[in-house]
Amino acid sequence: MTTKETLENDVVTRFAPSPTGLLHKGHAYSALKAYEYAKNRGGRFILRIEDIDTTRCKPDFIKAIYKDLSWLGIHWENPVRIQSQHLEDYQDILEQLRKRGLIYPCFCTRRDIQNEIMRSGHAPHGPEGPVYPGICKNIPETESAERVKNGEPHAWRLDLDKALTMIEKPIIWEDELHGLQVAKPELLGDIVLSRKDTPTSYHLSVTVDDALQGITHVVRGEDLFHATHIHVVLQKLLNLPQPIYRHHPLLLDSDGKRFAKRDKAETLTSIRENGVSAKEIIEEIMA
């Protein structure tokens, strides 16, 4: 594991948006936080495009991200890593985990999972909703392999119980704003690492890419704080360095709500087209 002293001498941060829509003020805030953190310490800033959602990500949104960040005065290193161009990297990692018996095929639909939760009358809940109840976890390996071979739709899930037997505990990670943390991966359970239509997941690809790109400090919104509980497990399993984390508070609108694409938050593109300067926006959101 990389030491804190080493990290402070060569800070590398990143901003990793998903091009499923145009950026808004919340994105600008997070990007500027990561950018300024690196620049104030003489470090490096990296832009990464997380476009693994093949149905929602669009090339035009990637172009808009470049334009918006340039308008804000943010400069990044080239080439930019586009995740959809490196799917083989994540598949290689999945194969490693499969050979170690750390992932299993899950044939459940969302309805199957909901029905099982209703049948049992309860289900553990984590920050991302109900934790997967393990319907497919104990299917005999010969049966699951046959179903995969026959082309039955499936996802690959992490066998968290088995994974935790292979790594030393407690698993500690550092957040500069929240202090030392003991990982609680059970909050997320047997997460999906790959689906038929999406050959990798956010949890897998972000963990792999942060290591590949030498990210030393992950500066991101506190809405992703709980995801770190599982990311540090994957880092341990894959013998990857653990960055220092800094989960900043989210930027809120005048109603106290977080900016979100699904709520059609005002975009940086529309703000710029209405004649507002980057300086004005930066002063507003970074005050």
Protein backbone atom coordinates (compact mmCIF):
# COMPACT_ATOMS: atom_id res chain seq x y z
CA MET A 1 0.00 0.00 0.00
CA THR A 2 1.27 3.45 -0.92
CA THR A 3 2.24 5.53 2.10
CA LYS A 4 0.68 8.87 2.91
CA GLU A 5 4.09 10.53 2.74
CA THR A 6 4.63 9.30 -0.81
CA LEU A 7 1.17 10.45 -1.86
CA GLU A 8 1.69 13.96 -0.56
CA ASN A 9 4.82 14.33 -2.69
CA ASP A 10 3.02 13.41 -5.93
CA VAL A 11 -0.69 14.20 -5.72
CA VAL A 12 -2.85 12.94 -8.59
CA THR A 13 -6.59 13.64 -8.62
CA ARG A 14 -9.26 13.01 -11.20
CA PHE A 15 -12.73 14.01 -12.34
CA ALA A 16 -14.64 11.11 -13.88
CA PRO A 17 -18.06 12.11 -15.23
CA SER A 18 -20.49 9.80 -16.98
CA PRO A 19 -21.66 11.30 -20.31
CA THR A 20 -25.35 10.56 -19.83
CA GLY A 21 -26.30 14.22 -20.02
CA LEU A 22 -24.93 17.73 -19.82
CA LEU A 23 -22.93 18.89 -16.80
CA HIS A 24 -24.56 21.11 -14.17
CA LYS A 25 -23.28 23.25 -11.30
CA GLY A 26 -22.85 20.23 -9.05
CA HIS A 27 -20.46 18.68 -11.58
CA ALA A 28 -18.59 21.96 -11.88
CA TYR A 29 -18.20 22.14 -8.10
CA SER A 30 -16.79 18.60 -7.87
CA ALA A 31 -14.48 19.07 -10.86
CA LEU A 32 -13.11 22.33 -9.45
CA LYS A 33 -12.60 20.72 -6.02
CA ALA A 34 -10.48 17.94 -7.53
CA TYR A 35 -8.64 20.30 -9.87
CA GLU A 36 -7.78 22.85 -7.19
CA TYR A 37 -6.74 20.13 -4.74
CA ALA A 38 -4.09 18.90 -7.17
CA LYS A 39 -2.95 22.29 -8.41
CA ASN A 40 -2.60 23.75 -4.91
CA ARG A 41 -0.20 20.91 -4.10
CA GLY A 42 1.79 20.99 -7.31
CA GLY A 43 0.14 17.77 -8.43
CA ARG A 44 -1.56 16.40 -11.53
CA PHE A 45 -5.20 16.39 -12.59
CA ILE A 46 -6.72 13.71 -14.81
CA LEU A 47 -10.02 13.63 -16.68
CA ARG A 48 -11.64 10.23 -17.24
CA ILE A 49 -14.85 9.51 -19.14
CA GLU A 50 -16.91 6.76 -17.50
CA ASP A 51 -19.11 5.75 -20.43
CA ILE A 52 -19.82 2.10 -19.63
CA ASP A 53 -23.59 2.65 -19.78
CA THR A 54 -23.93 1.89 -23.50
CA THR A 55 -27.62 2.84 -23.64
CA ARG A 56 -27.41 6.30 -22.05
CA CYS A 57 -23.91 7.60 -22.82
CA LYS A 58 -23.59 9.71 -25.97
CA PRO A 59 -20.54 11.07 -27.88
CA ASP A 60 -22.13 14.53 -27.97
CA PHE A 61 -22.17 14.61 -24.17
CA ILE A 62 -18.44 13.82 -24.12
CA LYS A 63 -17.76 16.78 -26.40
CA ALA A 64 -19.89 18.95 -24.14
CA ILE A 65 -17.89 17.84 -21.07
CA TYR A 66 -14.66 18.95 -22.74
CA LYS A 67 -16.18 22.30 -23.68
CA ASP A 68 -17.67 22.93 -20.22
CA LEU A 69 -14.48 22.09 -18.34
CA SER A 70 -12.37 24.22 -20.69
CA TRP A 71 -14.79 27.10 -20.14
CA LEU A 72 -14.24 26.73 -16.39
CA GLY A 73 -10.48 27.02 -16.91
CA ILE A 74 -9.78 23.40 -16.05
CA HIS A 75 -6.87 21.74 -17.88
CA TRP A 76 -6.27 18.01 -17.97
CA GLU A 77 -3.74 15.55 -19.26
CA ASN A 78 -4.13 13.81 -22.61
CA PRO A 79 -5.04 11.27 -23.76
CA VAL A 80 -8.27 11.07 -21.80
CA ARG A 81 -9.14 7.54 -20.73
CA ILE A 82 -12.49 6.56 -22.27
CA GLN A 83 -13.69 3.50 -20.39
CA SER A 84 -15.64 1.99 -23.30
CA GLN A 85 -12.35 1.74 -25.20
CA HIS A 86 -10.78 -0.41 -22.48
CA LEU A 87 -13.42 -3.04 -21.71
CA GLU A 88 -10.84 -5.78 -22.09
CA ASP A 89 -9.04 -4.45 -19.00
CA TYR A 90 -12.12 -5.04 -16.86
CA GLN A 91 -12.82 -8.40 -18.48
CA ASP A 92 -9.28 -9.51 -17.60
CA ILE A 93 -9.89 -8.61 -13.97
CA LEU A 94 -13.24 -10.41 -13.97
CA GLU A 95 -11.57 -13.52 -15.33
CA GLN A 96 -8.99 -13.37 -12.54
CA LEU A 97 -11.77 -13.16 -9.96
CA ARG A 98 -13.70 -15.97 -11.65
CA LYS A 99 -10.70 -18.29 -11.58
CA ARG A 100 -10.32 -17.59 -7.86
CA GLY A 101 -13.96 -18.45 -7.28
CA LEU A 102 -14.75 -14.95 -6.07
CA ILE A 103 -17.63 -14.18 -8.41
CA TYR A 104 -20.73 -16.14 -9.36
CA PRO A 105 -23.36 -15.83 -12.10
CA CYS A 106 -26.68 -14.36 -11.03
CA PHE A 107 -29.69 -15.11 -13.23
CA CYS A 108 -32.16 -13.00 -11.27
CA THR A 109 -34.26 -10.29 -12.81
CA ARG A 110 -35.17 -7.26 -10.76
CA ARG A 111 -38.63 -8.79 -10.33
CA ASP A 112 -37.09 -12.04 -9.02
CA ILE A 113 -35.20 -10.07 -6.40
CA GLN A 114 -38.25 -8.02 -5.41
CA ASN A 115 -40.38 -11.15 -5.11
CA GLU A 116 -37.79 -12.86 -2.91
CA ILE A 117 -37.61 -9.83 -0.64
CA MET A 118 -41.41 -9.74 -0.38
CA ARG A 119 -41.57 -13.48 0.28
CA SER A 120 -39.02 -13.34 3.05
CA GLY A 121 -40.70 -10.34 4.60
CA HIS A 122 -37.47 -8.43 5.07
CA ALA A 123 -34.13 -7.67 3.48
CA PRO A 124 -31.05 -5.87 4.73
CA HIS A 125 -30.93 -2.33 3.40
CA GLY A 126 -27.81 -0.40 2.52
CA PRO A 127 -27.17 3.07 1.09
CA GLU A 128 -28.00 1.81 -2.41
CA GLY A 129 -31.27 0.11 -1.37
CA PRO A 130 -32.04 -3.53 -0.50
CA VAL A 131 -28.98 -5.78 -0.38
CA TYR A 132 -29.11 -8.71 -2.80
CA PRO A 133 -30.64 -11.67 -0.89
CA GLY A 134 -28.30 -14.28 -2.41
CA ILE A 135 -30.83 -16.20 -4.51
CA CYS A 136 -28.22 -17.54 -6.96
CA LYS A 137 -25.30 -17.76 -4.57
CA ASN A 138 -25.67 -21.45 -3.75
CA ILE A 139 -26.60 -22.79 -7.18
CA PRO A 140 -24.31 -25.79 -7.86
CA GLU A 141 -21.37 -24.75 -10.00
CA THR A 142 -22.15 -27.37 -12.67
CA GLU A 143 -25.71 -26.08 -12.99
CA SER A 144 -24.73 -22.41 -13.19
CA ALA A 145 -21.97 -23.17 -15.72
CA GLU A 146 -24.48 -25.01 -17.91
CA ARG A 147 -26.93 -22.13 -17.74
CA VAL A 148 -24.19 -19.66 -18.70
CA LYS A 149 -23.11 -21.94 -21.56
CA ASN A 150 -26.68 -22.07 -22.82
CA GLY A 151 -26.76 -18.28 -23.05
CA GLU A 152 -29.13 -17.57 -20.18
CA PRO A 153 -28.93 -13.84 -19.32
CA HIS A 154 -26.90 -13.27 -16.19
CA ALA A 155 -24.77 -10.85 -14.22
CA TRP A 156 -21.59 -11.62 -12.29
CA ARG A 157 -21.69 -10.84 -8.58
CA LEU A 158 -18.91 -10.63 -6.04
CA ASP A 159 -19.07 -13.39 -3.43
CA LEU A 160 -18.44 -11.03 -0.54
CA ASP A 161 -18.38 -13.69 2.18
CA LYS A 162 -15.66 -15.62 0.37
CA ALA A 163 -13.77 -12.45 -0.54
CA LEU A 164 -13.58 -11.39 3.10
CA THR A 165 -11.95 -14.69 4.04
CA MET A 166 -9.07 -13.85 1.71
CA ILE A 167 -8.11 -10.44 3.05
CA GLU A 168 -6.82 -9.21 6.37
CA LYS A 169 -9.29 -7.36 8.56
CA PRO A 170 -10.15 -4.78 9.68
CA ILE A 171 -9.93 -2.94 6.37
CA ILE A 172 -9.12 0.68 7.10
CA TRP A 173 -9.37 3.61 4.74
CA GLU A 174 -8.77 7.31 5.24
CA ASP A 175 -11.10 10.15 4.42
CA GLU A 176 -9.54 13.56 4.93
CA LEU A 177 -12.86 15.12 5.92
CA HIS A 178 -14.36 12.23 7.90
CA GLY A 179 -11.31 10.58 9.44
CA LEU A 180 -10.20 6.95 9.49
CA GLN A 181 -12.91 4.51 8.48
CA VAL A 182 -13.39 0.79 9.05
CA ALA A 183 -14.82 -0.70 5.85
CA LYS A 184 -18.36 -2.08 6.10
CA PRO A 185 -18.80 -3.83 2.74
CA GLU A 186 -21.86 -5.69 4.04
CA LEU A 187 -23.73 -2.43 3.46
CA LEU A 188 -23.55 -3.21 -0.26
CA GLY A 189 -23.36 -7.01 -0.18
CA ASP A 190 -22.74 -9.14 -3.28
CA ILE A 191 -22.46 -6.28 -5.75
CA VAL A 192 -22.79 -6.72 -9.52
CA LEU A 193 -19.42 -6.48 -11.30
CA SER A 194 -20.63 -7.19 -14.83
CA ARG A 195 -23.87 -7.54 -16.80
CA LYS A 196 -24.65 -8.96 -20.21
CA ASP A 197 -25.36 -5.51 -21.68
CA THR A 198 -22.66 -3.75 -19.63
CA PRO A 199 -19.47 -5.83 -19.38
CA THR A 200 -18.27 -3.98 -16.29
CA SER A 201 -19.76 -2.03 -13.40
CA TYR A 202 -19.01 1.33 -11.83
CA HIS A 203 -17.52 -0.34 -8.76
CA LEU A 204 -15.15 -2.51 -10.79
CA SER A 205 -14.08 -0.02 -13.45
CA VAL A 206 -13.50 2.90 -11.08
CA THR A 207 -11.34 0.74 -8.80
CA VAL A 208 -9.27 -0.61 -11.69
CA ASP A 209 -8.86 2.77 -13.38
CA ASP A 210 -7.87 4.65 -10.23
CA ALA A 211 -5.01 2.17 -9.84
CA LEU A 212 -4.03 2.17 -13.52
CA GLN A 213 -3.92 5.96 -13.60
CA GLY A 214 -2.03 6.34 -10.34
CA ILE A 215 -4.74 8.31 -8.57
CA THR A 216 -3.45 9.16 -5.09
CA HIS A 217 -6.39 11.24 -3.82
CA VAL A 218 -10.00 10.57 -4.78
CA VAL A 219 -11.83 13.88 -4.41
CA ARG A 220 -15.55 13.31 -5.01
CA GLY A 221 -19.00 14.00 -3.60
CA GLU A 222 -20.17 12.50 -0.33
CA ASP A 223 -22.96 10.69 -2.20
CA LEU A 224 -20.24 8.17 -3.13
CA PHE A 225 -18.89 7.84 0.41
CA HIS A 226 -20.49 4.42 1.01
CA ALA A 227 -19.22 3.04 -2.31
CA THR A 228 -15.74 3.27 -0.83
CA HIS A 229 -16.59 0.44 1.58
CA ILE A 230 -16.62 -1.97 -1.35
CA HIS A 231 -13.89 -0.29 -3.41
CA VAL A 232 -11.32 -0.89 -0.68
CA VAL A 233 -12.30 -4.58 -0.62
CA LEU A 234 -11.68 -4.84 -4.36
CA GLN A 235 -8.35 -3.07 -3.91
CA LYS A 236 -7.31 -5.64 -1.33
CA LEU A 237 -8.44 -8.57 -3.46
CA LEU A 238 -6.59 -7.28 -6.52
CA ASN A 239 -3.50 -6.06 -4.65
CA LEU A 240 -4.06 -2.48 -5.80
CA PRO A 241 -2.87 0.67 -4.00
CA GLN A 242 -5.40 2.42 -1.80
CA PRO A 243 -5.76 6.15 -2.41
CA ILE A 244 -6.66 8.70 0.23
CA TYR A 245 -10.28 9.82 -0.06
CA ARG A 246 -11.89 13.22 0.33
CA HIS A 247 -15.69 13.10 0.07
CA HIS A 248 -16.82 16.71 -0.05
CA PRO A 249 -20.35 17.96 0.75
CA LEU A 250 -22.67 18.21 -2.24
CA LEU A 251 -23.57 21.54 -3.78
CA LEU A 252 -27.24 22.27 -3.12
CA ASP A 253 -29.71 24.45 -4.98
CA SER A 254 -31.82 27.23 -3.46
CA ASP A 255 -34.35 24.64 -2.24
CA GLY A 256 -31.68 22.64 -0.46
CA LYS A 257 -31.73 19.83 -3.03
CA ARG A 258 -28.65 18.38 -4.70
CA PHE A 259 -28.21 19.15 -8.38
CA ALA A 260 -29.11 16.12 -10.49
CA LYS A 261 -29.51 15.29 -14.17
CA ARG A 262 -32.75 13.43 -13.48
CA ASP A 263 -34.25 16.63 -12.04
CA LYS A 264 -33.20 18.54 -15.16
CA ALA A 265 -30.86 20.82 -13.26
CA GLU A 266 -29.75 23.91 -15.19
CA THR A 267 -26.77 22.92 -17.30
CA LEU A 268 -23.43 24.66 -17.70
CA THR A 269 -24.10 24.82 -21.44
CA SER A 270 -27.33 26.78 -20.97
CA ILE A 271 -25.71 29.03 -18.35
CA ARG A 272 -22.86 29.84 -20.73
CA GLU A 273 -25.25 30.43 -23.65
CA ASN A 274 -27.20 32.88 -21.48
CA GLY A 275 -24.11 35.05 -21.22
CA VAL A 276 -22.98 34.18 -17.69
CA SER A 277 -19.20 34.12 -17.38
CA ALA A 278 -17.18 31.25 -15.96
CA LYS A 279 -15.78 33.65 -13.37
CA GLU A 280 -19.27 34.41 -12.08
CA ILE A 281 -20.19 30.73 -11.78
CA ILE A 282 -16.92 29.84 -10.07
CA GLU A 283 -17.34 32.66 -7.55
CA GLU A 284 -20.92 31.55 -6.90
CA ILE A 285 -20.34 27.85 -6.32
CA MET A 286 -16.90 28.01 -4.68
CA ALA A 287 -17.74 30.81 -2.23
